[in-house]
Amino acid sequence: MIVYVGPTMYGIATRNTVYSEIPAALAAEIESRPFLRDLCISVQELPGALKQIREKRGFFYTMYQKAMQ
């Protein structure tokens, strides 16, 4: 199980959604923007990642901001 913690990309991936595997649309987007893979994390990593994004600090926040561009 993986969780996408990046910003919602309509038709591609929804923020904080649990997937059994990376959806095809997101996999295609990862091909052109490889850093998005860093926003596909295990469920166990979710609390820490959400804390970083909420507190606007750390690796996951940096990747989240990059995905927003």
C-alpha atoms as a PDB file:
ATOM      1  CA  MET A   1       0.000   0.000   0.000  1.00  0.00           C
ATOM      2  CA  ILE A   2       1.210   3.467  -0.864  1.00  0.00           C
ATOM      3  CA  VAL A   3      -0.088   6.919  -0.088  1.00  0.00           C
ATOM      4  CA  TYR A   4       0.319   9.862  -2.435  1.00  0.00           C
ATOM      5  CA  VAL A   5       1.043  12.916  -0.238  1.00  0.00           C
ATOM      6  CA  GLY A   6       1.547  15.481  -2.981  1.00  0.00           C
ATOM      7  CA  PRO A   7      -0.973  18.055  -4.129  1.00  0.00           C
ATOM      8  CA  THR A   8      -4.075  16.834  -5.939  1.00  0.00           C
ATOM      9  CA  MET A   9      -3.559  16.623  -9.699  1.00  0.00           C
ATOM     10  CA  TYR A  10      -6.998  16.229 -11.238  1.00  0.00           C
ATOM     11  CA  GLY A  11      -7.251  13.110 -13.345  1.00  0.00           C
ATOM     12  CA  ILE A  12      -3.862  11.898 -12.082  1.00  0.00           C
ATOM     13  CA  ALA A  13      -3.763  11.532  -8.276  1.00  0.00           C
ATOM     14  CA  THR A  14      -5.593  12.789  -5.201  1.00  0.00           C
ATOM     15  CA  ARG A  15      -3.717  14.004  -2.136  1.00  0.00           C
ATOM     16  CA  ASN A  16      -3.549  11.560   0.786  1.00  0.00           C
ATOM     17  CA  THR A  17      -5.159   8.726  -1.149  1.00  0.00           C
ATOM     18  CA  VAL A  18      -4.093   5.138  -0.417  1.00  0.00           C
ATOM     19  CA  TYR A  19      -3.415   2.999  -3.480  1.00  0.00           C
ATOM     20  CA  SER A  20      -2.521  -0.668  -3.736  1.00  0.00           C
ATOM     21  CA  GLU A  21      -0.111   0.330  -6.501  1.00  0.00           C
ATOM     22  CA  ILE A  22       0.805   3.533  -8.294  1.00  0.00           C
ATOM     23  CA  PRO A  23      -2.041   4.363 -10.715  1.00  0.00           C
ATOM     24  CA  ALA A  24      -1.173   4.413 -14.416  1.00  0.00           C
ATOM     25  CA  ALA A  25      -1.844   8.158 -14.756  1.00  0.00           C
ATOM     26  CA  LEU A  26       0.475   8.939 -11.845  1.00  0.00           C
ATOM     27  CA  ALA A  27       3.135   6.553 -13.159  1.00  0.00           C
ATOM     28  CA  ALA A  28       3.051   8.423 -16.476  1.00  0.00           C
ATOM     29  CA  GLU A  29       3.422  11.756 -14.651  1.00  0.00           C
ATOM     30  CA  ILE A  30       6.373  10.338 -12.676  1.00  0.00           C
ATOM     31  CA  GLU A  31       8.080   9.593 -15.993  1.00  0.00           C
ATOM     32  CA  SER A  32       8.188  13.308 -16.792  1.00  0.00           C
ATOM     33  CA  ARG A  33       8.594  14.520 -13.170  1.00  0.00           C
ATOM     34  CA  PRO A  34      10.567  11.786 -11.342  1.00  0.00           C
ATOM     35  CA  PHE A  35      10.568  13.627  -7.995  1.00  0.00           C
ATOM     36  CA  LEU A  36       6.843  12.798  -7.665  1.00  0.00           C
ATOM     37  CA  ARG A  37       7.877   9.244  -6.748  1.00  0.00           C
ATOM     38  CA  ASP A  38       9.188  10.710  -3.468  1.00  0.00           C
ATOM     39  CA  LEU A  39       5.601  11.714  -2.661  1.00  0.00           C
ATOM     40  CA  CYS A  40       4.414   8.096  -2.949  1.00  0.00           C
ATOM     41  CA  ILE A  41       5.161   6.703   0.485  1.00  0.00           C
ATOM     42  CA  SER A  42       4.284   3.805   2.744  1.00  0.00           C
ATOM     43  CA  VAL A  43       1.347   4.157   5.107  1.00  0.00           C
ATOM     44  CA  GLN A  44       3.816   3.963   8.001  1.00  0.00           C
ATOM     45  CA  GLU A  45       5.566   7.136   6.778  1.00  0.00           C
ATOM     46  CA  LEU A  46       2.313   9.105   6.495  1.00  0.00           C
ATOM     47  CA  PRO A  47       2.200  10.750   9.955  1.00  0.00           C
ATOM     48  CA  GLY A  48       5.743  12.109   9.617  1.00  0.00           C
ATOM     49  CA  ALA A  49       5.207  13.318   6.065  1.00  0.00           C
ATOM     50  CA  LEU A  50       1.965  15.089   6.954  1.00  0.00           C
ATOM     51  CA  LYS A  51       3.672  16.735   9.918  1.00  0.00           C
ATOM     52  CA  GLN A  52       6.450  18.086   7.697  1.00  0.00           C
ATOM     53  CA  ILE A  53       3.948  19.424   5.155  1.00  0.00           C
ATOM     54  CA  ARG A  54       1.807  20.984   7.880  1.00  0.00           C
ATOM     55  CA  GLU A  55       4.833  22.572   9.573  1.00  0.00           C
ATOM     56  CA  LYS A  56       6.287  23.702   6.219  1.00  0.00           C
ATOM     57  CA  ARG A  57       9.673  22.088   6.752  1.00  0.00           C
ATOM     58  CA  GLY A  58      11.634  19.033   5.728  1.00  0.00           C
ATOM     59  CA  PHE A  59      12.022  16.790   2.717  1.00  0.00           C
ATOM     60  CA  PHE A  60       8.349  16.062   2.089  1.00  0.00           C
ATOM     61  CA  TYR A  61       7.431  19.739   2.280  1.00  0.00           C
ATOM     62  CA  THR A  62      10.177  20.551  -0.232  1.00  0.00           C
ATOM     63  CA  MET A  63       8.904  17.880  -2.633  1.00  0.00           C
ATOM     64  CA  TYR A  64       5.302  19.016  -2.114  1.00  0.00           C
ATOM     65  CA  GLN A  65       6.258  22.588  -3.013  1.00  0.00           C
ATOM     66  CA  LYS A  66       8.161  21.386  -6.078  1.00  0.00           C
ATOM     67  CA  ALA A  67       5.062  19.480  -7.203  1.00  0.00           C
ATOM     68  CA  MET A  68       2.992  22.661  -6.858  1.00  0.00           C
ATOM     69  CA  GLN A  69       5.099  24.416  -9.514  1.00  0.00           C
END
